[in-house]
Amino acid sequence: MFTVNVNGYKIEPGVDLTGANLTGANLTGANLTGANLTGANLTGANLTRAILAEANFTAVNLTGANLHPVNLTGADLTGADLTGADLTGANLTGARLHPAPLTGADLNWVNLTGADLTGADLTRVALTEADLYQALADESTVWPENFDPEGAGVIYK
């Protein structure tokens, strides 16, 4: 198993990075499968091609982070701040994004199949060619102007 140290933190699958300060860290290609990042600060971090499947991102600050293309299949992003994050081409199949601020995020070509978007704020989010088939939403989900969630296959709870 390949392990690296970034800002004094060991980066490997399943690692506990609760509350870690990884502001601006270069985590390109890092394997953080199943990692616990609860409350971590990843503002401006580069997570290009990182493997983040089943990771816990509860209340993580990902403002301005580069997350494309990453694998966040089944990841828990509950309350994570993704304002302005670049998620182009990311796989968010089954991810929990409620209630995550996504204002201004780039979700072009993102796979959101079965993702939980209840209560998510998608104001000014780019959704070109995003796959929202069977994504979950509710009346508190805020969509970009002129976006048709039902036409995109979104299911309302």
C-alpha atoms as a PDB file:
ATOM      1  CA  MET A   1       0.000   0.000   0.000  1.00  0.00           C
ATOM      2  CA  PHE A   2       1.333   3.416  -1.006  1.00  0.00           C
ATOM      3  CA  THR A   3       1.229   6.001   1.802  1.00  0.00           C
ATOM      4  CA  VAL A   4       2.201   9.677   1.578  1.00  0.00           C
ATOM      5  CA  ASN A   5       2.399  12.456   4.134  1.00  0.00           C
ATOM      6  CA  VAL A   6       0.784  15.827   3.405  1.00  0.00           C
ATOM      7  CA  ASN A   7       0.940  18.701   5.892  1.00  0.00           C
ATOM      8  CA  GLY A   8       1.913  16.166   8.572  1.00  0.00           C
ATOM      9  CA  TYR A   9      -1.043  13.858   7.854  1.00  0.00           C
ATOM     10  CA  LYS A  10      -0.735  10.267   6.626  1.00  0.00           C
ATOM     11  CA  ILE A  11      -2.777   9.894   3.418  1.00  0.00           C
ATOM     12  CA  GLU A  12      -4.045   6.357   2.800  1.00  0.00           C
ATOM     13  CA  PRO A  13      -7.320   4.416   2.502  1.00  0.00           C
ATOM     14  CA  GLY A  14      -9.434   4.420   5.664  1.00  0.00           C
ATOM     15  CA  VAL A  15      -7.391   7.102   7.425  1.00  0.00           C
ATOM     16  CA  ASP A  16      -9.030   9.290  10.088  1.00  0.00           C
ATOM     17  CA  LEU A  17      -8.486  12.930   9.109  1.00  0.00           C
ATOM     18  CA  THR A  18     -11.196  14.379  11.350  1.00  0.00           C
ATOM     19  CA  GLY A  19     -10.631  18.131  11.615  1.00  0.00           C
ATOM     20  CA  ALA A  20      -7.421  18.031   9.539  1.00  0.00           C
ATOM     21  CA  ASN A  21      -6.157  21.255   7.980  1.00  0.00           C
ATOM     22  CA  LEU A  22      -5.364  20.383   4.374  1.00  0.00           C
ATOM     23  CA  THR A  23      -5.869  23.880   2.962  1.00  0.00           C
ATOM     24  CA  GLY A  24      -4.292  24.080  -0.491  1.00  0.00           C
ATOM     25  CA  ALA A  25      -2.888  20.543  -0.213  1.00  0.00           C
ATOM     26  CA  ASN A  26      -1.901  18.676  -3.357  1.00  0.00           C
ATOM     27  CA  LEU A  27      -3.738  15.355  -3.079  1.00  0.00           C
ATOM     28  CA  THR A  28      -3.587  14.508  -6.773  1.00  0.00           C
ATOM     29  CA  GLY A  29      -4.317  10.804  -7.234  1.00  0.00           C
ATOM     30  CA  ALA A  30      -4.561  10.155  -3.473  1.00  0.00           C
ATOM     31  CA  ASN A  31      -6.448   7.038  -2.402  1.00  0.00           C
ATOM     32  CA  LEU A  32      -8.719   8.048   0.470  1.00  0.00           C
ATOM     33  CA  THR A  33     -11.280   5.272   0.023  1.00  0.00           C
ATOM     34  CA  GLY A  34     -13.334   5.021   3.216  1.00  0.00           C
ATOM     35  CA  ALA A  35     -11.432   7.865   4.898  1.00  0.00           C
ATOM     36  CA  ASN A  36     -13.051   9.969   7.630  1.00  0.00           C
ATOM     37  CA  LEU A  37     -12.613  13.657   6.776  1.00  0.00           C
ATOM     38  CA  THR A  38     -15.339  14.978   9.081  1.00  0.00           C
ATOM     39  CA  GLY A  39     -14.837  18.703   9.680  1.00  0.00           C
ATOM     40  CA  ALA A  40     -11.582  18.840   7.675  1.00  0.00           C
ATOM     41  CA  ASN A  41     -10.540  22.003   5.838  1.00  0.00           C
ATOM     42  CA  LEU A  42      -9.741  21.261   2.179  1.00  0.00           C
ATOM     43  CA  THR A  43     -10.194  24.827   0.919  1.00  0.00           C
ATOM     44  CA  GLY A  44      -8.413  25.158  -2.419  1.00  0.00           C
ATOM     45  CA  ALA A  45      -7.039  21.607  -2.255  1.00  0.00           C
ATOM     46  CA  ASN A  46      -6.175  19.768  -5.470  1.00  0.00           C
ATOM     47  CA  LEU A  47      -7.908  16.376  -5.469  1.00  0.00           C
ATOM     48  CA  THR A  48      -7.551  15.701  -9.197  1.00  0.00           C
ATOM     49  CA  ARG A  49      -8.049  11.970  -9.917  1.00  0.00           C
ATOM     50  CA  ALA A  50      -8.309  11.212  -6.172  1.00  0.00           C
ATOM     51  CA  ILE A  51     -10.194   8.090  -5.112  1.00  0.00           C
ATOM     52  CA  LEU A  52     -12.707   9.128  -2.470  1.00  0.00           C
ATOM     53  CA  ALA A  53     -15.313   6.350  -2.660  1.00  0.00           C
ATOM     54  CA  GLU A  54     -17.246   5.745   0.582  1.00  0.00           C
ATOM     55  CA  ALA A  55     -15.343   8.586   2.300  1.00  0.00           C
ATOM     56  CA  ASN A  56     -17.026  10.674   4.991  1.00  0.00           C
ATOM     57  CA  PHE A  57     -16.953  14.379   4.093  1.00  0.00           C
ATOM     58  CA  THR A  58     -19.488  15.514   6.706  1.00  0.00           C
ATOM     59  CA  ALA A  59     -19.098  19.282   7.299  1.00  0.00           C
ATOM     60  CA  VAL A  60     -15.887  19.459   5.218  1.00  0.00           C
ATOM     61  CA  ASN A  61     -14.893  22.792   3.682  1.00  0.00           C
ATOM     62  CA  LEU A  62     -14.169  22.135  -0.017  1.00  0.00           C
ATOM     63  CA  THR A  63     -14.582  25.761  -1.128  1.00  0.00           C
ATOM     64  CA  GLY A  64     -12.684  26.266  -4.380  1.00  0.00           C
ATOM     65  CA  ALA A  65     -11.273  22.726  -4.344  1.00  0.00           C
ATOM     66  CA  ASN A  66     -10.367  20.969  -7.584  1.00  0.00           C
ATOM     67  CA  LEU A  67     -12.285  17.690  -7.588  1.00  0.00           C
ATOM     68  CA  HIS A  68     -12.268  16.658 -11.214  1.00  0.00           C
ATOM     69  CA  PRO A  69     -12.511  13.934 -12.141  1.00  0.00           C
ATOM     70  CA  VAL A  70     -12.782  12.141  -8.816  1.00  0.00           C
ATOM     71  CA  ASN A  71     -14.652   9.076  -7.628  1.00  0.00           C
ATOM     72  CA  LEU A  72     -16.992   9.982  -4.771  1.00  0.00           C
ATOM     73  CA  THR A  73     -19.301   6.991  -5.213  1.00  0.00           C
ATOM     74  CA  GLY A  74     -21.376   6.604  -2.062  1.00  0.00           C
ATOM     75  CA  ALA A  75     -19.459   9.366  -0.266  1.00  0.00           C
ATOM     76  CA  ASP A  76     -21.166  11.232   2.573  1.00  0.00           C
ATOM     77  CA  LEU A  77     -20.929  14.958   1.808  1.00  0.00           C
ATOM     78  CA  THR A  78     -23.632  15.938   4.297  1.00  0.00           C
ATOM     79  CA  GLY A  79     -23.135  19.619   5.091  1.00  0.00           C
ATOM     80  CA  ALA A  80     -19.884  19.830   3.097  1.00  0.00           C
ATOM     81  CA  ASP A  81     -19.251  23.269   1.593  1.00  0.00           C
ATOM     82  CA  LEU A  82     -18.694  22.780  -2.138  1.00  0.00           C
ATOM     83  CA  THR A  83     -19.157  26.447  -3.061  1.00  0.00           C
ATOM     84  CA  GLY A  84     -17.255  27.099  -6.280  1.00  0.00           C
ATOM     85  CA  ALA A  85     -15.719  23.604  -6.335  1.00  0.00           C
ATOM     86  CA  ASP A  86     -14.735  22.089  -9.694  1.00  0.00           C
ATOM     87  CA  LEU A  87     -16.298  18.631  -9.895  1.00  0.00           C
ATOM     88  CA  THR A  88     -16.251  18.340 -13.696  1.00  0.00           C
ATOM     89  CA  GLY A  89     -16.613  14.707 -14.716  1.00  0.00           C
ATOM     90  CA  ALA A  90     -16.761  13.421 -11.113  1.00  0.00           C
ATOM     91  CA  ASN A  91     -18.617  10.246 -10.179  1.00  0.00           C
ATOM     92  CA  LEU A  92     -21.066  11.068  -7.374  1.00  0.00           C
ATOM     93  CA  THR A  93     -23.258   7.994  -7.830  1.00  0.00           C
ATOM     94  CA  GLY A  94     -25.241   7.474  -4.642  1.00  0.00           C
ATOM     95  CA  ALA A  95     -23.430  10.298  -2.823  1.00  0.00           C
ATOM     96  CA  ARG A  96     -25.220  12.144  -0.013  1.00  0.00           C
ATOM     97  CA  LEU A  97     -25.143  15.890  -0.737  1.00  0.00           C
ATOM     98  CA  HIS A  98     -27.786  17.142   1.670  1.00  0.00           C
ATOM     99  CA  PRO A  99     -27.799  19.933   2.640  1.00  0.00           C
ATOM    100  CA  ALA A 100     -24.586  20.870   0.854  1.00  0.00           C
ATOM    101  CA  PRO A 101     -23.959  24.396  -0.415  1.00  0.00           C
ATOM    102  CA  LEU A 102     -22.976  23.938  -4.071  1.00  0.00           C
ATOM    103  CA  THR A 103     -23.458  27.542  -5.237  1.00  0.00           C
ATOM    104  CA  GLY A 104     -21.292  28.249  -8.269  1.00  0.00           C
ATOM    105  CA  ALA A 105     -19.884  24.700  -8.402  1.00  0.00           C
ATOM    106  CA  ASP A 106     -19.033  23.098 -11.743  1.00  0.00           C
ATOM    107  CA  LEU A 107     -21.005  19.860 -12.069  1.00  0.00           C
ATOM    108  CA  ASN A 108     -20.706  19.555 -15.843  1.00  0.00           C
ATOM    109  CA  TRP A 109     -20.595  15.908 -16.991  1.00  0.00           C
ATOM    110  CA  VAL A 110     -20.989  14.695 -13.379  1.00  0.00           C
ATOM    111  CA  ASN A 111     -22.685  11.385 -12.624  1.00  0.00           C
ATOM    112  CA  LEU A 112     -25.257  12.087  -9.895  1.00  0.00           C
ATOM    113  CA  THR A 113     -27.252   8.891 -10.452  1.00  0.00           C
ATOM    114  CA  GLY A 114     -29.104   8.099  -7.234  1.00  0.00           C
ATOM    115  CA  ALA A 115     -27.404  10.940  -5.346  1.00  0.00           C
ATOM    116  CA  ASP A 116     -29.296  12.507  -2.427  1.00  0.00           C
ATOM    117  CA  LEU A 117     -29.759  16.204  -3.203  1.00  0.00           C
ATOM    118  CA  THR A 118     -32.473  16.897  -0.631  1.00  0.00           C
ATOM    119  CA  GLY A 119     -31.999  20.418   0.660  1.00  0.00           C
ATOM    120  CA  ALA A 120     -28.963  21.064  -1.584  1.00  0.00           C
ATOM    121  CA  ASP A 121     -28.397  24.594  -2.887  1.00  0.00           C
ATOM    122  CA  LEU A 122     -27.584  24.326  -6.602  1.00  0.00           C
ATOM    123  CA  THR A 123     -27.859  28.062  -7.315  1.00  0.00           C
ATOM    124  CA  ARG A 124     -25.648  29.033 -10.287  1.00  0.00           C
ATOM    125  CA  VAL A 125     -24.401  25.439 -10.636  1.00  0.00           C
ATOM    126  CA  ALA A 126     -23.287  24.283 -14.090  1.00  0.00           C
ATOM    127  CA  LEU A 127     -25.101  21.013 -14.909  1.00  0.00           C
ATOM    128  CA  THR A 128     -24.340  20.528 -18.621  1.00  0.00           C
ATOM    129  CA  GLU A 129     -24.646  16.829 -19.467  1.00  0.00           C
ATOM    130  CA  ALA A 130     -24.908  15.915 -15.758  1.00  0.00           C
ATOM    131  CA  ASP A 131     -26.648  12.571 -15.149  1.00  0.00           C
ATOM    132  CA  LEU A 132     -29.333  13.058 -12.476  1.00  0.00           C
ATOM    133  CA  TYR A 133     -31.263   9.840 -13.135  1.00  0.00           C
ATOM    134  CA  GLN A 134     -33.058   8.806  -9.927  1.00  0.00           C
ATOM    135  CA  ALA A 135     -31.299  11.513  -7.889  1.00  0.00           C
ATOM    136  CA  LEU A 136     -33.386  12.422  -4.831  1.00  0.00           C
ATOM    137  CA  ALA A 137     -34.642  15.940  -4.143  1.00  0.00           C
ATOM    138  CA  ASP A 138     -37.314  17.627  -2.069  1.00  0.00           C
ATOM    139  CA  GLU A 139     -39.128  20.970  -1.992  1.00  0.00           C
ATOM    140  CA  SER A 140     -36.127  22.608  -0.278  1.00  0.00           C
ATOM    141  CA  THR A 141     -33.677  21.666  -3.060  1.00  0.00           C
ATOM    142  CA  VAL A 142     -32.754  24.855  -4.935  1.00  0.00           C
ATOM    143  CA  TRP A 143     -32.129  24.371  -8.672  1.00  0.00           C
ATOM    144  CA  PRO A 144     -30.354  26.636 -11.172  1.00  0.00           C
ATOM    145  CA  GLU A 145     -32.595  29.000 -13.098  1.00  0.00           C
ATOM    146  CA  ASN A 146     -34.391  27.334 -16.044  1.00  0.00           C
ATOM    147  CA  PHE A 147     -33.357  23.810 -14.980  1.00  0.00           C
ATOM    148  CA  ASP A 148     -35.995  21.064 -15.261  1.00  0.00           C
ATOM    149  CA  PRO A 149     -35.222  18.462 -12.562  1.00  0.00           C
ATOM    150  CA  GLU A 150     -38.138  16.176 -13.461  1.00  0.00           C
ATOM    151  CA  GLY A 151     -37.021  16.191 -17.102  1.00  0.00           C
ATOM    152  CA  ALA A 152     -33.555  15.163 -15.905  1.00  0.00           C
ATOM    153  CA  GLY A 153     -34.964  12.136 -14.067  1.00  0.00           C
ATOM    154  CA  VAL A 154     -34.897  13.530 -10.525  1.00  0.00           C
ATOM    155  CA  ILE A 155     -37.220  11.852  -7.994  1.00  0.00           C
ATOM    156  CA  TYR A 156     -38.958  13.981  -5.367  1.00  0.00           C
ATOM    157  CA  LYS A 157     -39.408  12.659  -1.812  1.00  0.00           C
END
